[in-house]
Amino acid sequence: MNLQELKIDPSTMVLEVDTMHIPNSCVIVICDGRVKLRELPPHGEYKIITHQGKVKRMHKGEGEEF
C-alpha cells in the first residue's frame, strides 16, 4: 500500500480506521477535511511539507543500509 485516501463521514465528521487493514507502520495526515494514509518506508524518511498552515506536499525518501 503506497497512498490511500480515507473518508470522513460528513454527517458525523468522524474518521473511522480499521486498524486490522492498515500497514504496521504508517502515517495519517488530515488537512482541510481531506485524509490520506501512507505506509512508511522500511528505511528512509517521510516529509510533510506545509505552507501557510496547510499540507502542501508529502514526500517519501527511501534508502538502505550500506
C-alpha atoms as a PDB file:
ATOM      1  CA  MET A   1       0.000   0.000   0.000  1.00  0.00           C
ATOM      2  CA  ASN A   2       1.522   3.276  -1.016  1.00  0.00           C
ATOM      3  CA  LEU A   3      -1.020   6.088  -0.646  1.00  0.00           C
ATOM      4  CA  GLN A   4      -4.658   5.701   0.302  1.00  0.00           C
ATOM      5  CA  GLU A   5      -7.314   8.392   0.610  1.00  0.00           C
ATOM      6  CA  LEU A   6      -9.660   7.904   3.564  1.00  0.00           C
ATOM      7  CA  LYS A   7     -13.099   9.456   4.033  1.00  0.00           C
ATOM      8  CA  ILE A   8     -14.557  11.401   6.939  1.00  0.00           C
ATOM      9  CA  ASP A   9     -18.285  10.756   7.454  1.00  0.00           C
ATOM     10  CA  PRO A  10     -19.787  14.200   6.635  1.00  0.00           C
ATOM     11  CA  SER A  11     -22.844  13.670   8.859  1.00  0.00           C
ATOM     12  CA  THR A  12     -20.797  12.958  11.997  1.00  0.00           C
ATOM     13  CA  MET A  13     -17.364  14.363  10.991  1.00  0.00           C
ATOM     14  CA  VAL A  14     -15.874  11.105  12.330  1.00  0.00           C
ATOM     15  CA  LEU A  15     -12.959   9.267  10.757  1.00  0.00           C
ATOM     16  CA  GLU A  16     -13.060   5.501  11.240  1.00  0.00           C
ATOM     17  CA  VAL A  17      -9.915   3.485  10.537  1.00  0.00           C
ATOM     18  CA  ASP A  18      -9.904  -0.307  10.540  1.00  0.00           C
ATOM     19  CA  THR A  19      -6.562  -0.997  12.216  1.00  0.00           C
ATOM     20  CA  MET A  20      -6.639  -4.598  11.021  1.00  0.00           C
ATOM     21  CA  HIS A  21      -6.318  -3.453   7.390  1.00  0.00           C
ATOM     22  CA  ILE A  22      -3.617  -0.787   7.550  1.00  0.00           C
ATOM     23  CA  PRO A  23       0.179  -1.221   7.493  1.00  0.00           C
ATOM     24  CA  ASN A  24       2.001  -1.744  10.809  1.00  0.00           C
ATOM     25  CA  SER A  25       3.962   1.458  10.224  1.00  0.00           C
ATOM     26  CA  CYS A  26       2.034   4.309   8.618  1.00  0.00           C
ATOM     27  CA  VAL A  27       1.086   7.959   8.937  1.00  0.00           C
ATOM     28  CA  ILE A  28      -2.379   9.515   8.668  1.00  0.00           C
ATOM     29  CA  VAL A  29      -2.467  13.187   7.591  1.00  0.00           C
ATOM     30  CA  ILE A  30      -5.587  15.348   7.914  1.00  0.00           C
ATOM     31  CA  CYS A  31      -5.905  18.792   6.297  1.00  0.00           C
ATOM     32  CA  ASP A  32      -8.981  20.747   5.196  1.00  0.00           C
ATOM     33  CA  GLY A  33     -11.280  17.744   5.617  1.00  0.00           C
ATOM     34  CA  ARG A  34      -9.095  15.501   3.449  1.00  0.00           C
ATOM     35  CA  VAL A  35      -7.422  12.440   4.941  1.00  0.00           C
ATOM     36  CA  LYS A  36      -4.537  10.460   3.477  1.00  0.00           C
ATOM     37  CA  LEU A  37      -2.842   7.356   4.822  1.00  0.00           C
ATOM     38  CA  ARG A  38       0.659   6.480   3.689  1.00  0.00           C
ATOM     39  CA  GLU A  39       2.802   3.475   4.540  1.00  0.00           C
ATOM     40  CA  LEU A  40       6.204   4.469   5.935  1.00  0.00           C
ATOM     41  CA  PRO A  41       9.321   3.170   4.152  1.00  0.00           C
ATOM     42  CA  PRO A  42      11.397   0.468   5.899  1.00  0.00           C
ATOM     43  CA  HIS A  43      14.453   2.759   5.669  1.00  0.00           C
ATOM     44  CA  GLY A  44      14.441   6.446   4.910  1.00  0.00           C
ATOM     45  CA  GLU A  45      12.415   9.488   5.795  1.00  0.00           C
ATOM     46  CA  TYR A  46       8.965  10.836   5.173  1.00  0.00           C
ATOM     47  CA  LYS A  47       8.471  14.591   4.981  1.00  0.00           C
ATOM     48  CA  ILE A  48       5.224  16.504   5.290  1.00  0.00           C
ATOM     49  CA  ILE A  49       5.709  19.960   3.792  1.00  0.00           C
ATOM     50  CA  THR A  50       3.300  22.687   4.891  1.00  0.00           C
ATOM     51  CA  HIS A  51       2.627  26.186   3.596  1.00  0.00           C
ATOM     52  CA  GLN A  52       0.536  28.756   5.483  1.00  0.00           C
ATOM     53  CA  GLY A  53      -0.710  26.109   7.905  1.00  0.00           C
ATOM     54  CA  LYS A  54      -1.860  23.638   5.239  1.00  0.00           C
ATOM     55  CA  VAL A  55      -0.304  20.454   3.906  1.00  0.00           C
ATOM     56  CA  LYS A  56       1.313  21.275   0.586  1.00  0.00           C
ATOM     57  CA  ARG A  57       3.176  18.055  -0.214  1.00  0.00           C
ATOM     58  CA  MET A  58       4.075  14.648   1.211  1.00  0.00           C
ATOM     59  CA  HIS A  59       7.465  13.287   0.168  1.00  0.00           C
ATOM     60  CA  LYS A  60       8.995   9.854   0.751  1.00  0.00           C
ATOM     61  CA  GLY A  61      12.771   9.488   0.663  1.00  0.00           C
ATOM     62  CA  GLU A  62      13.893   5.877   0.767  1.00  0.00           C
ATOM     63  CA  GLY A  63      17.321   4.476   1.395  1.00  0.00           C
ATOM     64  CA  GLU A  64      19.056   1.341   2.513  1.00  0.00           C
ATOM     65  CA  GLU A  65      21.865   0.497   4.892  1.00  0.00           C
ATOM     66  CA  PHE A  66      25.298   0.151   3.267  1.00  0.00           C
END
